[in-house]
């Protein structure tokens, strides 16, 4: 299929840029993987489906230590994955997410949550149910929050994914 002259030229320029950036991207990806191999917490978090070295490393570096947070709700709040509250008198309203935390980690958790929803049937059903009830954006944030809390408890308890599945939830 032939493209108009300017469109064809623009496509060629973009492909040349991509060829120039690919080696740099590969070098950065290898550096992230090397750094992730040196941190045992990151290795443990990578056992969860959908969580790669970049997501796990960013999660660990942004949160610092799991002892800073007594519960998963505070982790979600720190990352900006909880709704803003606009309440007065008898009226209680929850709005959009607060976005108070690190935007990169929020983005990575959202992408990882969608990946988990594709590879785990239970997460996929929950995501589809939320997306039908509300919308895809709300469902994505809810699943990202759930993943963040789950990664926090894996890190805090020093469990890998198999132990988490075997022993169940941190509640109780």
C-alpha atoms as a PDB file:
ATOM      1  CA  UNK A   1       0.000   0.000   0.000  1.00  0.00           C
ATOM      2  CA  UNK A   2       1.486   3.282  -1.100  1.00  0.00           C
ATOM      3  CA  UNK A   3       1.545   6.266   1.225  1.00  0.00           C
ATOM      4  CA  UNK A   4       1.545   9.939   0.253  1.00  0.00           C
ATOM      5  CA  UNK A   5       5.016  11.420  -0.172  1.00  0.00           C
ATOM      6  CA  UNK A   6       5.137  13.357   3.115  1.00  0.00           C
ATOM      7  CA  UNK A   7       3.734  10.468   5.117  1.00  0.00           C
ATOM      8  CA  UNK A   8       6.246   8.082   3.590  1.00  0.00           C
ATOM      9  CA  UNK A   9       9.087  10.479   4.350  1.00  0.00           C
ATOM     10  CA  UNK A  10       7.935  10.930   7.956  1.00  0.00           C
ATOM     11  CA  UNK A  11       7.670   7.164   8.414  1.00  0.00           C
ATOM     12  CA  UNK A  12      11.218   6.723   7.111  1.00  0.00           C
ATOM     13  CA  UNK A  13      12.539   9.394   9.510  1.00  0.00           C
ATOM     14  CA  UNK A  14      10.823   7.744  12.472  1.00  0.00           C
ATOM     15  CA  UNK A  15      12.222   4.343  11.526  1.00  0.00           C
ATOM     16  CA  UNK A  16      15.733   5.841  11.359  1.00  0.00           C
ATOM     17  CA  UNK A  17      15.282   7.358  14.840  1.00  0.00           C
ATOM     18  CA  UNK A  18      14.131   4.018  16.145  1.00  0.00           C
ATOM     19  CA  UNK A  19      17.259   2.359  14.741  1.00  0.00           C
ATOM     20  CA  UNK A  20      19.400   4.963  16.530  1.00  0.00           C
ATOM     21  CA  UNK A  21      17.623   4.561  19.878  1.00  0.00           C
ATOM     22  CA  UNK A  22      17.472   0.743  19.963  1.00  0.00           C
ATOM     23  CA  UNK A  23      21.103   0.245  21.106  1.00  0.00           C
ATOM     24  CA  UNK A  24      20.660   2.797  23.912  1.00  0.00           C
ATOM     25  CA  UNK A  25      17.439   1.151  25.050  1.00  0.00           C
ATOM     26  CA  UNK A  26      19.131  -2.256  25.055  1.00  0.00           C
ATOM     27  CA  UNK A  27      22.022  -0.924  27.155  1.00  0.00           C
ATOM     28  CA  UNK A  28      19.647   0.629  29.688  1.00  0.00           C
ATOM     29  CA  UNK A  29      17.574  -2.554  29.885  1.00  0.00           C
ATOM     30  CA  UNK A  30      20.689  -4.614  30.561  1.00  0.00           C
ATOM     31  CA  UNK A  31      21.796  -2.170  33.274  1.00  0.00           C
ATOM     32  CA  UNK A  32      18.384  -2.463  34.959  1.00  0.00           C
ATOM     33  CA  UNK A  33      18.545  -6.256  34.804  1.00  0.00           C
ATOM     34  CA  UNK A  34      22.061  -6.280  36.296  1.00  0.00           C
ATOM     35  CA  UNK A  35      20.973  -3.983  39.119  1.00  0.00           C
ATOM     36  CA  UNK A  36      17.866  -6.094  39.772  1.00  0.00           C
ATOM     37  CA  UNK A  37      19.997  -9.247  40.085  1.00  0.00           C
ATOM     38  CA  UNK A  38      21.954  -7.667  42.940  1.00  0.00           C
ATOM     39  CA  UNK A  39      18.926  -6.906  45.158  1.00  0.00           C
ATOM     40  CA  UNK A  40      17.284  -9.988  46.736  1.00  0.00           C
ATOM     41  CA  UNK A  41      14.000  -8.155  47.397  1.00  0.00           C
ATOM     42  CA  UNK A  42      13.680  -7.372  43.706  1.00  0.00           C
ATOM     43  CA  UNK A  43      14.365 -11.005  42.817  1.00  0.00           C
ATOM     44  CA  UNK A  44      11.594 -12.080  45.195  1.00  0.00           C
ATOM     45  CA  UNK A  45       9.063  -9.594  43.796  1.00  0.00           C
ATOM     46  CA  UNK A  46       9.833 -10.724  40.241  1.00  0.00           C
ATOM     47  CA  UNK A  47       8.391 -14.149  41.066  1.00  0.00           C
ATOM     48  CA  UNK A  48       4.933 -12.560  40.852  1.00  0.00           C
ATOM     49  CA  UNK A  49       3.486 -12.909  37.342  1.00  0.00           C
ATOM     50  CA  UNK A  50       3.561  -9.679  35.364  1.00  0.00           C
ATOM     51  CA  UNK A  51       6.244  -8.036  37.509  1.00  0.00           C
ATOM     52  CA  UNK A  52       9.532  -7.551  35.717  1.00  0.00           C
ATOM     53  CA  UNK A  53      12.871  -6.145  36.824  1.00  0.00           C
ATOM     54  CA  UNK A  54      11.952  -2.517  36.132  1.00  0.00           C
ATOM     55  CA  UNK A  55       8.681  -2.622  38.089  1.00  0.00           C
ATOM     56  CA  UNK A  56      10.183  -4.526  41.019  1.00  0.00           C
ATOM     57  CA  UNK A  57      13.283  -2.327  41.192  1.00  0.00           C
ATOM     58  CA  UNK A  58      11.273   0.902  41.019  1.00  0.00           C
ATOM     59  CA  UNK A  59       8.872  -0.391  43.696  1.00  0.00           C
ATOM     60  CA  UNK A  60      11.710  -1.261  46.086  1.00  0.00           C
ATOM     61  CA  UNK A  61      13.654   1.953  45.465  1.00  0.00           C
ATOM     62  CA  UNK A  62      10.648   4.249  45.892  1.00  0.00           C
ATOM     63  CA  UNK A  63       9.291   2.586  49.038  1.00  0.00           C
ATOM     64  CA  UNK A  64      12.674   2.256  50.723  1.00  0.00           C
ATOM     65  CA  UNK A  65      11.982  -0.311  53.441  1.00  0.00           C
ATOM     66  CA  UNK A  66       8.749  -2.154  54.175  1.00  0.00           C
ATOM     67  CA  UNK A  67       9.031  -1.228  57.863  1.00  0.00           C
ATOM     68  CA  UNK A  68       8.016   2.345  57.016  1.00  0.00           C
ATOM     69  CA  UNK A  69       4.430   1.258  56.425  1.00  0.00           C
ATOM     70  CA  UNK A  70       2.298  -0.662  58.931  1.00  0.00           C
ATOM     71  CA  UNK A  71      -0.336  -1.669  56.368  1.00  0.00           C
ATOM     72  CA  UNK A  72      -0.987  -1.920  52.651  1.00  0.00           C
ATOM     73  CA  UNK A  73      -3.458   0.965  52.704  1.00  0.00           C
ATOM     74  CA  UNK A  74      -0.643   3.342  53.607  1.00  0.00           C
ATOM     75  CA  UNK A  75       1.471   1.986  50.739  1.00  0.00           C
ATOM     76  CA  UNK A  76      -1.398   2.661  48.334  1.00  0.00           C
ATOM     77  CA  UNK A  77      -1.761   6.142  49.783  1.00  0.00           C
ATOM     78  CA  UNK A  78       1.984   6.807  49.483  1.00  0.00           C
ATOM     79  CA  UNK A  79       1.888   5.778  45.817  1.00  0.00           C
ATOM     80  CA  UNK A  80      -1.184   7.922  45.104  1.00  0.00           C
ATOM     81  CA  UNK A  81      -3.492   5.010  44.317  1.00  0.00           C
ATOM     82  CA  UNK A  82      -6.327   5.999  46.661  1.00  0.00           C
ATOM     83  CA  UNK A  83      -9.207   8.337  45.849  1.00  0.00           C
ATOM     84  CA  UNK A  84      -9.363  11.955  46.959  1.00  0.00           C
ATOM     85  CA  UNK A  85     -12.099  12.726  49.437  1.00  0.00           C
ATOM     86  CA  UNK A  86     -14.419  15.712  49.147  1.00  0.00           C
ATOM     87  CA  UNK A  87     -16.702  15.494  52.151  1.00  0.00           C
ATOM     88  CA  UNK A  88     -18.680  17.883  54.251  1.00  0.00           C
ATOM     89  CA  UNK A  89     -21.503  17.454  56.767  1.00  0.00           C
ATOM     90  CA  UNK A  90     -23.722  14.585  55.571  1.00  0.00           C
ATOM     91  CA  UNK A  91     -22.179  14.303  52.128  1.00  0.00           C
ATOM     92  CA  UNK A  92     -19.306  11.876  51.508  1.00  0.00           C
ATOM     93  CA  UNK A  93     -17.757  11.797  48.046  1.00  0.00           C
ATOM     94  CA  UNK A  94     -14.685  10.020  46.712  1.00  0.00           C
ATOM     95  CA  UNK A  95     -13.152  11.488  43.573  1.00  0.00           C
ATOM     96  CA  UNK A  96     -10.229  10.722  41.301  1.00  0.00           C
ATOM     97  CA  UNK A  97      -6.993   9.215  42.613  1.00  0.00           C
ATOM     98  CA  UNK A  98      -4.787  11.530  44.625  1.00  0.00           C
ATOM     99  CA  UNK A  99      -1.655  11.107  42.429  1.00  0.00           C
ATOM    100  CA  UNK A 100       0.479  12.130  45.405  1.00  0.00           C
ATOM    101  CA  UNK A 101       3.161   9.500  44.902  1.00  0.00           C
ATOM    102  CA  UNK A 102       5.656   8.621  42.231  1.00  0.00           C
ATOM    103  CA  UNK A 103       4.020   8.739  38.801  1.00  0.00           C
ATOM    104  CA  UNK A 104       6.461   6.296  37.222  1.00  0.00           C
ATOM    105  CA  UNK A 105       5.760   3.608  39.825  1.00  0.00           C
ATOM    106  CA  UNK A 106       2.004   4.186  39.421  1.00  0.00           C
ATOM    107  CA  UNK A 107       2.352   3.739  35.661  1.00  0.00           C
ATOM    108  CA  UNK A 108       4.504   0.609  36.017  1.00  0.00           C
ATOM    109  CA  UNK A 109       2.079  -0.942  38.524  1.00  0.00           C
ATOM    110  CA  UNK A 110      -0.815  -0.230  36.161  1.00  0.00           C
ATOM    111  CA  UNK A 111       0.960  -1.939  33.271  1.00  0.00           C
ATOM    112  CA  UNK A 112       2.003  -4.877  35.464  1.00  0.00           C
ATOM    113  CA  UNK A 113      -1.564  -5.236  36.768  1.00  0.00           C
ATOM    114  CA  UNK A 114      -2.887  -5.469  33.213  1.00  0.00           C
ATOM    115  CA  UNK A 115      -0.246  -8.080  32.469  1.00  0.00           C
ATOM    116  CA  UNK A 116      -1.303 -10.087  35.529  1.00  0.00           C
ATOM    117  CA  UNK A 117      -4.942  -9.807  34.437  1.00  0.00           C
ATOM    118  CA  UNK A 118      -3.994 -11.370  31.095  1.00  0.00           C
ATOM    119  CA  UNK A 119      -2.086 -14.308  32.576  1.00  0.00           C
ATOM    120  CA  UNK A 120      -4.107 -15.092  35.741  1.00  0.00           C
ATOM    121  CA  UNK A 121      -7.728 -16.083  35.326  1.00  0.00           C
ATOM    122  CA  UNK A 122      -8.920 -14.770  38.709  1.00  0.00           C
ATOM    123  CA  UNK A 123      -7.366 -11.333  38.146  1.00  0.00           C
ATOM    124  CA  UNK A 124      -8.765 -11.264  34.627  1.00  0.00           C
ATOM    125  CA  UNK A 125     -12.290 -11.867  35.916  1.00  0.00           C
ATOM    126  CA  UNK A 126     -11.925  -9.158  38.564  1.00  0.00           C
ATOM    127  CA  UNK A 127     -10.601  -6.685  36.015  1.00  0.00           C
ATOM    128  CA  UNK A 128     -13.389  -7.462  33.533  1.00  0.00           C
ATOM    129  CA  UNK A 129     -16.039  -7.162  36.262  1.00  0.00           C
ATOM    130  CA  UNK A 130     -14.709  -3.782  37.399  1.00  0.00           C
ATOM    131  CA  UNK A 131     -14.344  -2.546  33.825  1.00  0.00           C
ATOM    132  CA  UNK A 132     -17.981  -3.416  33.111  1.00  0.00           C
ATOM    133  CA  UNK A 133     -19.251  -1.814  36.336  1.00  0.00           C
ATOM    134  CA  UNK A 134     -17.178   1.356  36.159  1.00  0.00           C
ATOM    135  CA  UNK A 135     -14.717   1.858  33.304  1.00  0.00           C
ATOM    136  CA  UNK A 136     -11.307   0.556  32.238  1.00  0.00           C
ATOM    137  CA  UNK A 137      -9.356   3.367  33.902  1.00  0.00           C
ATOM    138  CA  UNK A 138     -10.942   2.777  37.293  1.00  0.00           C
ATOM    139  CA  UNK A 139     -10.441  -0.974  36.914  1.00  0.00           C
ATOM    140  CA  UNK A 140      -6.776  -0.502  36.002  1.00  0.00           C
ATOM    141  CA  UNK A 141      -6.128   1.684  39.053  1.00  0.00           C
ATOM    142  CA  UNK A 142      -7.951  -0.753  41.337  1.00  0.00           C
ATOM    143  CA  UNK A 143      -5.889  -3.670  40.070  1.00  0.00           C
ATOM    144  CA  UNK A 144      -2.675  -1.601  40.351  1.00  0.00           C
ATOM    145  CA  UNK A 145      -3.545  -0.842  43.973  1.00  0.00           C
ATOM    146  CA  UNK A 146      -4.209  -4.512  44.642  1.00  0.00           C
ATOM    147  CA  UNK A 147      -0.870  -5.448  43.057  1.00  0.00           C
ATOM    148  CA  UNK A 148       0.977  -2.784  45.079  1.00  0.00           C
ATOM    149  CA  UNK A 149      -0.472  -4.104  48.342  1.00  0.00           C
ATOM    150  CA  UNK A 150       0.315  -7.659  47.350  1.00  0.00           C
ATOM    151  CA  UNK A 151       3.927  -6.798  46.450  1.00  0.00           C
ATOM    152  CA  UNK A 152       4.272  -4.920  49.730  1.00  0.00           C
ATOM    153  CA  UNK A 153       3.183  -7.957  51.740  1.00  0.00           C
ATOM    154  CA  UNK A 154       5.420 -10.275  49.721  1.00  0.00           C
ATOM    155  CA  UNK A 155       8.336  -7.950  50.483  1.00  0.00           C
ATOM    156  CA  UNK A 156       7.468  -7.478  54.137  1.00  0.00           C
ATOM    157  CA  UNK A 157       6.898 -11.192  54.873  1.00  0.00           C
ATOM    158  CA  UNK A 158       9.812 -12.207  52.638  1.00  0.00           C
ATOM    159  CA  UNK A 159       7.603 -14.536  50.629  1.00  0.00           C
ATOM    160  CA  UNK A 160       7.917 -15.413  46.994  1.00  0.00           C
ATOM    161  CA  UNK A 161       4.828 -15.842  44.798  1.00  0.00           C
ATOM    162  CA  UNK A 162       4.411 -19.569  45.488  1.00  0.00           C
ATOM    163  CA  UNK A 163       4.400 -18.983  49.246  1.00  0.00           C
ATOM    164  CA  UNK A 164       1.868 -16.193  48.800  1.00  0.00           C
ATOM    165  CA  UNK A 165      -0.447 -18.484  46.850  1.00  0.00           C
ATOM    166  CA  UNK A 166       0.013 -21.317  49.348  1.00  0.00           C
ATOM    167  CA  UNK A 167      -0.380 -19.269  52.529  1.00  0.00           C
ATOM    168  CA  UNK A 168      -3.014 -16.902  51.194  1.00  0.00           C
ATOM    169  CA  UNK A 169      -3.779 -13.391  52.222  1.00  0.00           C
ATOM    170  CA  UNK A 170      -1.933 -11.389  54.848  1.00  0.00           C
ATOM    171  CA  UNK A 171      -5.266 -10.635  56.560  1.00  0.00           C
ATOM    172  CA  UNK A 172      -5.876 -12.604  59.731  1.00  0.00           C
END
